[in-house]
Amino acid sequence: MPPTNKRPPASLADLPAHTVAARSTLDIDQLRRWAEEAGQRFVLADLSACDDRKAVLRELGRAFAFPDWYGANLDALYDCLTDLAEPGSSGLVVVLDHLPRSPRFDNDQRARLLDVFRDALEPFAEVGVPLRVYYR
C-alpha cells in the first residue's frame, strides 16, 4: 500500500464542519482545546455508566444542560439539539464517549441515536453553524 501524505489535523478547521464520525485517534482534550480556541461550545457526554437507551438519553440531557421539558427520547433530543442551531452561534463540538454496545443498547438503537445527530446536521448547516459530533 502506498504511503499517504495526509497529515493529521492541527486544528478544528482541519476537520469537517458538519460531521458525525467515529473519534478514532482524535483526543478528547485536544478537541476541547480546539473548540475553546475556535470559541465553540464543547460538550462531553460520558456514557460509560449507561447500558440502555433511556440512560444514554438522560445523560445526553445532562451533558447538554437541556431544559426541564426535555423528555429523554429521540424526538426531544432532536428538538433540543436543533434549538442550538442559531444563526451567529460559533458552533458545537460534541463527544459521545463510551457509547454503549450492549444487549440493552444494541446496534439498531446505537444507529438510531447517531441518526438523530446526523439529521441535526442539516439545520446547523442551513444557518452556517458548525456541528461536529465524535463518538467512541
Protein backbone atom coordinates (compact mmCIF):
# COMPACT_ATOMS: atom_id res chain seq x y z
CA MET A 1 0.00 0.00 0.00
CA PRO A 2 1.50 3.38 -0.97
CA PRO A 3 2.16 5.86 1.84
CA THR A 4 -0.40 8.60 2.31
CA ASN A 5 0.60 12.22 2.59
CA LYS A 6 -2.43 13.05 4.66
CA ARG A 7 -1.31 14.99 7.69
CA PRO A 8 -3.13 14.76 10.99
CA PRO A 9 -5.47 17.62 11.86
CA ALA A 10 -3.76 20.58 13.53
CA SER A 11 -6.91 22.48 14.45
CA LEU A 12 -10.68 22.33 14.35
CA ALA A 13 -10.56 24.00 10.93
CA ASP A 14 -8.89 20.84 9.56
CA LEU A 15 -11.99 18.78 10.44
CA PRO A 16 -15.29 18.78 8.51
CA ALA A 17 -17.64 21.49 9.81
CA HIS A 18 -20.72 19.23 9.74
CA THR A 19 -19.98 15.65 10.68
CA VAL A 20 -20.91 12.68 12.82
CA ALA A 21 -17.92 10.36 12.90
CA ALA A 22 -16.04 7.84 14.98
CA ARG A 23 -13.47 9.60 17.11
CA SER A 24 -10.72 7.09 16.25
CA THR A 25 -7.43 8.84 17.04
CA LEU A 26 -8.85 12.24 17.96
CA ASP A 27 -8.03 13.03 21.58
CA ILE A 28 -10.83 14.43 23.76
CA ASP A 29 -8.59 17.03 25.41
CA GLN A 30 -7.33 18.17 22.01
CA LEU A 31 -10.90 18.51 20.71
CA ARG A 32 -11.77 20.52 23.83
CA ARG A 33 -8.78 22.85 23.30
CA TRP A 34 -9.60 23.31 19.62
CA ALA A 35 -13.23 24.10 20.45
CA GLU A 36 -12.13 26.66 23.03
CA GLU A 37 -9.65 28.23 20.60
CA ALA A 38 -12.41 28.50 17.98
CA GLY A 39 -14.88 29.90 20.52
CA GLN A 40 -17.15 26.88 20.06
CA ARG A 41 -19.12 25.11 22.74
CA PHE A 42 -17.68 21.75 23.76
CA VAL A 43 -19.99 19.04 25.12
CA LEU A 44 -18.59 15.82 26.55
CA ALA A 45 -21.17 13.12 27.24
CA ASP A 46 -19.52 10.36 29.25
CA LEU A 47 -21.79 7.40 28.59
CA SER A 48 -19.65 4.80 30.36
CA ALA A 49 -22.25 4.25 33.10
CA CYS A 50 -25.11 3.87 30.60
CA ASP A 51 -26.34 0.48 29.49
CA ASP A 52 -29.67 1.28 27.83
CA ARG A 53 -31.33 3.91 25.63
CA LYS A 54 -33.05 5.73 28.47
CA ALA A 55 -29.81 6.11 30.45
CA VAL A 56 -27.99 7.36 27.34
CA LEU A 57 -30.69 9.92 26.61
CA ARG A 58 -30.80 11.11 30.24
CA GLU A 59 -27.02 11.55 30.25
CA LEU A 60 -27.16 13.48 26.98
CA GLY A 61 -29.75 15.79 28.53
CA ARG A 62 -27.46 16.37 31.49
CA ALA A 63 -24.34 16.90 29.37
CA PHE A 64 -26.08 19.44 27.14
CA ALA A 65 -27.95 21.03 30.07
CA PHE A 66 -31.20 20.69 28.14
CA PRO A 67 -34.30 22.36 29.60
CA ASP A 68 -36.61 20.65 32.08
CA TRP A 69 -39.11 19.77 29.35
CA TYR A 70 -36.53 17.52 27.64
CA GLY A 71 -38.27 14.15 27.58
CA ALA A 72 -35.22 11.89 27.20
CA ASN A 73 -36.44 10.43 23.92
CA LEU A 74 -35.11 10.70 20.38
CA ASP A 75 -37.64 13.33 19.27
CA ALA A 76 -36.85 15.53 22.27
CA LEU A 77 -33.12 15.08 21.63
CA TYR A 78 -33.56 16.28 18.06
CA ASP A 79 -35.72 19.23 19.12
CA CYS A 80 -33.33 20.38 21.85
CA LEU A 81 -30.27 19.82 19.70
CA THR A 82 -31.62 21.76 16.73
CA ASP A 83 -32.67 24.60 19.05
CA LEU A 84 -28.91 25.18 19.42
CA ALA A 85 -28.59 25.89 15.67
CA GLU A 86 -28.95 29.64 15.99
CA PRO A 87 -27.52 31.98 13.36
CA GLY A 88 -24.44 33.70 14.68
CA SER A 89 -23.57 30.86 17.04
CA SER A 90 -19.91 29.91 16.83
CA GLY A 91 -20.52 26.16 16.69
CA LEU A 92 -20.65 23.00 18.70
CA VAL A 93 -18.20 20.12 19.24
CA VAL A 94 -19.77 17.05 20.83
CA VAL A 95 -18.02 13.93 22.08
CA LEU A 96 -20.11 10.86 22.85
CA ASP A 97 -17.56 8.94 24.89
CA HIS A 98 -18.09 5.23 25.62
CA LEU A 99 -21.25 4.97 23.53
CA PRO A 100 -22.53 1.62 24.79
CA ARG A 101 -22.74 -1.64 22.90
CA SER A 102 -24.82 -3.95 24.99
CA PRO A 103 -27.88 -6.16 24.73
CA ARG A 104 -29.89 -3.27 26.21
CA PHE A 105 -28.37 -0.77 23.75
CA ASP A 106 -27.94 -2.78 20.58
CA ASN A 107 -26.58 -1.75 17.19
CA ASP A 108 -30.02 -0.66 15.99
CA GLN A 109 -30.53 1.67 18.96
CA ARG A 110 -26.99 2.98 18.56
CA ALA A 111 -27.61 3.68 14.86
CA ARG A 112 -30.91 5.45 15.58
CA LEU A 113 -29.22 7.68 18.16
CA LEU A 114 -26.43 8.61 15.75
CA ASP A 115 -29.04 9.25 13.05
CA VAL A 116 -30.60 11.94 15.26
CA PHE A 117 -27.25 13.73 15.30
CA ARG A 118 -26.87 13.21 11.53
CA ASP A 119 -30.37 14.60 10.96
CA ALA A 120 -29.43 17.65 13.04
CA LEU A 121 -26.51 18.44 10.72
CA GLU A 122 -28.84 19.95 8.10
CA PRO A 123 -30.41 22.65 10.31
CA PHE A 124 -26.94 23.58 11.56
CA ALA A 125 -25.56 23.76 8.01
CA GLU A 126 -28.53 25.85 6.86
CA VAL A 127 -27.64 28.60 9.34
CA GLY A 128 -23.88 28.20 8.85
CA VAL A 129 -23.17 26.88 12.34
CA PRO A 130 -20.64 24.03 12.59
CA LEU A 131 -21.76 20.84 14.34
CA ARG A 132 -19.11 18.21 14.88
CA VAL A 133 -20.06 15.01 16.70
CA TYR A 134 -17.50 12.34 17.53
CA TYR A 135 -18.24 9.03 19.20
CA ARG A 136 -16.43 6.01 20.53
